[in-house]
Amino acid sequence: MLLVYLDVIGPLLTLLGCLLIKRIRFMESDLVLLVFLIAQILLNGLANILQYNQINNHWVYLGNCFATQIIFTYYFYELVISERNVRHIITTTSVCFLLFFCFNMIFIQSYKSFNSYSYSLGAFLLCIYSYFGFQNLMNYKSNDSIFDLKLFWSLSGILIYFGSSLLIFLSYNYLTIVSYSNVGTLWRIHNVFLTIGCILFFKSINSRIWIQK
C-alpha cells in the first residue's frame, strides 16, 4: 500500500522537509519546484480518493500532465535557458505539445482514459530541455563544486524522473491490452521514480548556489 500512495507521500514529505529545514529565503527556482510538489500532492491525492471510491480519475491525471508541462517549461524557459535558438526550440515544441495534447484528448485518448501519448511526449520534451540545461551547466566557469549548484540537482531530478517515466508511459497502453493486472505494478514503479525525483529536488532547494542565466 505504501507504493500505491507514494505519489502523494513522496512529494508531501519533500515539501515538509523543505519548509522545516530551509533557513533562508526561497529563490524563484525553489518556488517552481515547490509548486510542482504541491501540484503532485493535490492532484495525485484527488486521483487516489477517486480511485478508492471507484470513480474514474483519468481526467485528474490529464490535468496533472498539463500542469507539470507548464511548470517545467516555465522553469527552463525563464530560469535555465538563455540561448535564443534553444528558447525558440522550447517555444515551438511547447506549442506542438499543446496542439497534440488537445488533439489526443479529443480524437484519440479521451479525458476518461489515461492520456499516455501526451504524457510520453511531455516527458520526452522535458528530457530534451534537461539536455540543454546540462550543456549550460558544463559551460559554467566557477570554483564552486557542481554538487553545490541548485541546477545540477534539479536537472538530475527532472532527467531521472521523466526519463524513467517515459518508458512507463510508452508501455502503458500495451500493458493494458496484454496484461492489465500488471498496470498497477507499473504505476508503483512510477511512484518510486517520482520519489527519487523529489529527493533530488529537495537537495536542489537546499543547495547554495543558483547560476544566473
Protein backbone atom coordinates (compact mmCIF):
# COMPACT_ATOMS: atom_id res chain seq x y z
CA MET A 1 0.00 0.00 0.00
CA LEU A 2 2.94 2.32 0.65
CA LEU A 3 3.95 2.17 -3.02
CA VAL A 4 0.36 2.92 -4.09
CA TYR A 5 0.28 6.20 -2.19
CA LEU A 6 3.95 7.06 -2.66
CA ASP A 7 2.96 9.57 -5.36
CA VAL A 8 1.50 11.67 -2.52
CA ILE A 9 3.75 10.64 0.36
CA GLY A 10 6.98 11.39 -1.53
CA PRO A 11 6.09 14.96 -2.58
CA LEU A 12 4.45 15.65 0.81
CA LEU A 13 7.49 14.62 2.85
CA THR A 14 9.74 16.55 0.48
CA LEU A 15 7.60 19.68 0.83
CA LEU A 16 7.52 19.41 4.62
CA GLY A 17 11.26 18.85 4.71
CA CYS A 18 11.88 21.95 2.59
CA LEU A 19 9.62 24.11 4.75
CA LEU A 20 11.07 22.86 8.03
CA ILE A 21 14.78 22.75 7.15
CA LYS A 22 15.14 25.70 4.80
CA ARG A 23 16.52 28.66 6.76
CA ILE A 24 16.94 31.25 4.03
CA ARG A 25 14.60 32.92 1.57
CA PHE A 26 13.44 30.71 -1.28
CA MET A 27 14.73 31.65 -4.72
CA GLU A 28 12.49 31.62 -7.78
CA SER A 29 13.91 28.27 -8.88
CA ASP A 30 12.99 26.84 -5.48
CA LEU A 31 9.44 28.18 -5.74
CA VAL A 32 8.90 26.49 -9.11
CA LEU A 33 9.92 23.13 -7.62
CA LEU A 34 7.67 23.76 -4.61
CA VAL A 35 4.74 24.46 -6.95
CA PHE A 36 5.39 21.11 -8.63
CA LEU A 37 5.42 19.33 -5.26
CA ILE A 38 2.15 20.97 -4.22
CA ALA A 39 0.54 20.10 -7.56
CA GLN A 40 1.54 16.45 -7.12
CA ILE A 41 0.15 16.33 -3.60
CA LEU A 42 -3.20 17.84 -4.58
CA LEU A 43 -3.73 16.12 -7.94
CA ASN A 44 -2.41 12.68 -7.01
CA GLY A 45 -4.26 12.90 -3.72
CA LEU A 46 -7.52 13.63 -5.54
CA ALA A 47 -6.84 10.82 -8.01
CA ASN A 48 -6.29 8.35 -5.17
CA ILE A 49 -9.50 9.43 -3.44
CA LEU A 50 -11.49 8.97 -6.64
CA GLN A 51 -9.91 5.58 -7.27
CA TYR A 52 -10.66 4.46 -3.71
CA ASN A 53 -14.33 5.36 -4.30
CA GLN A 54 -14.25 3.62 -7.70
CA ILE A 55 -14.76 6.85 -9.64
CA ASN A 56 -12.93 7.49 -12.92
CA ASN A 57 -9.84 9.58 -12.16
CA HIS A 58 -8.16 9.78 -15.54
CA TRP A 59 -9.22 13.39 -16.02
CA VAL A 60 -7.18 14.29 -12.93
CA TYR A 61 -4.07 12.71 -14.45
CA LEU A 62 -4.80 14.61 -17.65
CA GLY A 63 -4.73 17.83 -15.64
CA ASN A 64 -1.55 16.69 -13.92
CA CYS A 65 0.12 16.12 -17.28
CA PHE A 66 -0.78 19.62 -18.45
CA ALA A 67 0.17 21.32 -15.18
CA THR A 68 3.52 19.53 -14.97
CA GLN A 69 4.40 20.52 -18.52
CA ILE A 70 3.55 24.17 -17.85
CA ILE A 71 5.57 24.24 -14.61
CA PHE A 72 8.77 22.80 -16.04
CA THR A 73 8.52 24.59 -19.39
CA TYR A 74 8.42 27.83 -17.43
CA TYR A 75 11.36 26.60 -15.36
CA PHE A 76 13.54 26.01 -18.41
CA TYR A 77 12.41 28.97 -20.49
CA GLU A 78 12.56 31.62 -17.77
CA LEU A 79 15.30 30.38 -15.45
CA VAL A 80 17.66 27.99 -17.22
CA ILE A 81 17.97 28.62 -20.95
CA SER A 82 19.37 31.89 -22.26
CA GLU A 83 20.36 30.97 -25.84
CA ARG A 84 17.88 32.41 -28.30
CA ASN A 85 17.85 29.40 -30.61
CA VAL A 86 17.21 26.98 -27.74
CA ARG A 87 14.45 29.21 -26.34
CA HIS A 88 12.91 29.17 -29.82
CA ILE A 89 13.01 25.36 -29.74
CA ILE A 90 11.27 25.36 -26.36
CA THR A 91 8.57 27.73 -27.63
CA THR A 92 7.96 25.73 -30.81
CA THR A 93 7.89 22.33 -29.13
CA SER A 94 5.63 23.65 -26.36
CA VAL A 95 3.10 24.84 -28.94
CA CYS A 96 3.33 21.44 -30.63
CA PHE A 97 2.74 19.74 -27.30
CA LEU A 98 -0.33 21.89 -26.62
CA LEU A 99 -1.80 21.13 -30.06
CA PHE A 100 -1.11 17.41 -29.70
CA PHE A 101 -2.47 17.43 -26.14
CA CYS A 102 -5.81 18.82 -27.37
CA PHE A 103 -5.91 16.60 -30.48
CA ASN A 104 -5.12 13.49 -28.46
CA MET A 105 -7.76 14.29 -25.85
CA ILE A 106 -10.48 14.93 -28.45
CA PHE A 107 -9.76 12.31 -31.11
CA ILE A 108 -7.53 9.55 -29.69
CA GLN A 109 -7.46 9.21 -25.90
CA SER A 110 -10.41 10.91 -24.22
CA TYR A 111 -10.32 12.51 -20.78
CA LYS A 112 -11.93 9.31 -19.48
CA SER A 113 -8.82 7.29 -20.36
CA PHE A 114 -5.16 7.67 -19.40
CA ASN A 115 -3.51 10.01 -21.91
CA SER A 116 -0.28 8.04 -22.18
CA TYR A 117 0.63 9.62 -25.54
CA SER A 118 0.50 13.14 -24.09
CA TYR A 119 2.45 12.03 -21.03
CA SER A 120 5.07 10.40 -23.26
CA LEU A 121 5.53 13.46 -25.47
CA GLY A 122 5.70 15.76 -22.45
CA ALA A 123 8.29 13.60 -20.68
CA PHE A 124 10.37 13.37 -23.87
CA LEU A 125 10.41 17.16 -24.29
CA LEU A 126 11.44 17.72 -20.69
CA CYS A 127 14.31 15.27 -21.16
CA ILE A 128 15.41 17.27 -24.22
CA TYR A 129 15.23 20.52 -22.24
CA SER A 130 17.30 18.87 -19.49
CA TYR A 131 19.97 18.04 -22.07
CA PHE A 132 20.23 21.73 -22.99
CA GLY A 133 20.29 22.59 -19.30
CA PHE A 134 23.22 20.24 -18.69
CA GLN A 135 25.02 21.80 -21.65
CA ASN A 136 24.75 25.18 -19.92
CA LEU A 137 25.92 23.62 -16.68
CA MET A 138 29.02 22.14 -18.29
CA ASN A 139 29.93 25.56 -19.72
CA TYR A 140 29.70 27.19 -16.29
CA LYS A 141 33.10 28.51 -15.19
CA SER A 142 33.49 28.67 -11.43
CA ASN A 143 35.46 27.38 -8.49
CA ASP A 144 32.22 26.16 -6.92
CA SER A 145 31.64 22.43 -6.67
CA ILE A 146 29.00 21.16 -9.06
CA PHE A 147 27.37 19.50 -6.04
CA ASP A 148 26.69 22.94 -4.54
CA LEU A 149 24.71 24.05 -7.59
CA LYS A 150 20.94 24.02 -7.45
CA LEU A 151 20.71 23.47 -11.19
CA PHE A 152 22.71 20.23 -11.08
CA TRP A 153 20.31 18.61 -8.61
CA SER A 154 17.12 19.92 -10.22
CA LEU A 155 18.21 18.78 -13.70
CA SER A 156 19.18 15.39 -12.27
CA GLY A 157 15.76 15.05 -10.68
CA ILE A 158 13.94 16.05 -13.87
CA LEU A 159 16.01 13.74 -16.05
CA ILE A 160 15.77 10.72 -13.74
CA TYR A 161 12.04 11.07 -13.13
CA PHE A 162 10.87 11.94 -16.62
CA GLY A 163 13.47 9.80 -18.39
CA SER A 164 12.40 6.73 -16.41
CA SER A 165 8.71 7.58 -16.61
CA LEU A 166 8.94 7.96 -20.39
CA LEU A 167 9.42 4.20 -20.70
CA ILE A 168 6.49 3.61 -18.34
CA PHE A 169 4.18 5.93 -20.26
CA LEU A 170 5.17 4.38 -23.61
CA SER A 171 4.40 0.85 -22.38
CA TYR A 172 1.19 1.75 -20.54
CA ASN A 173 -1.25 1.14 -23.40
CA TYR A 174 0.45 -2.11 -24.39
CA LEU A 175 0.20 -3.49 -20.87
CA THR A 176 -3.47 -2.56 -20.55
CA ILE A 177 -4.10 -4.82 -23.55
CA VAL A 178 -1.84 -7.81 -22.85
CA SER A 179 -1.69 -7.78 -19.06
CA TYR A 180 -3.95 -5.28 -17.33
CA SER A 181 -3.11 -6.72 -13.90
CA ASN A 182 0.49 -5.50 -14.31
CA VAL A 183 -0.53 -1.86 -14.85
CA GLY A 184 -0.74 -1.35 -11.10
CA THR A 185 2.81 -2.64 -10.71
CA LEU A 186 3.94 -0.31 -13.48
CA TRP A 187 2.43 2.68 -11.68
CA ARG A 188 4.08 1.70 -8.39
CA ILE A 189 7.42 1.79 -10.18
CA HIS A 190 6.48 5.23 -11.48
CA ASN A 191 5.83 6.36 -7.91
CA VAL A 192 9.30 5.20 -6.88
CA PHE A 193 10.93 7.29 -9.62
CA LEU A 194 8.76 10.28 -8.67
CA THR A 195 10.01 9.97 -5.09
CA ILE A 196 13.63 9.81 -6.28
CA GLY A 197 13.00 12.96 -8.29
CA CYS A 198 11.50 14.65 -5.22
CA ILE A 199 14.57 13.76 -3.14
CA LEU A 200 16.80 15.41 -5.75
CA PHE A 201 14.51 18.47 -5.82
CA PHE A 202 14.88 18.63 -2.03
CA LYS A 203 18.65 18.66 -2.48
CA SER A 204 18.33 21.39 -5.12
CA ILE A 205 16.24 23.62 -2.89
CA ASN A 206 18.70 23.23 -0.04
CA SER A 207 21.80 23.82 -2.15
CA ARG A 208 23.56 27.18 -2.00
CA ILE A 209 24.16 28.49 -5.49
CA TRP A 210 21.94 29.30 -8.43
CA ILE A 211 23.57 30.05 -11.78
CA GLN A 212 22.15 33.22 -13.31
CA LYS A 213 21.42 32.56 -16.98
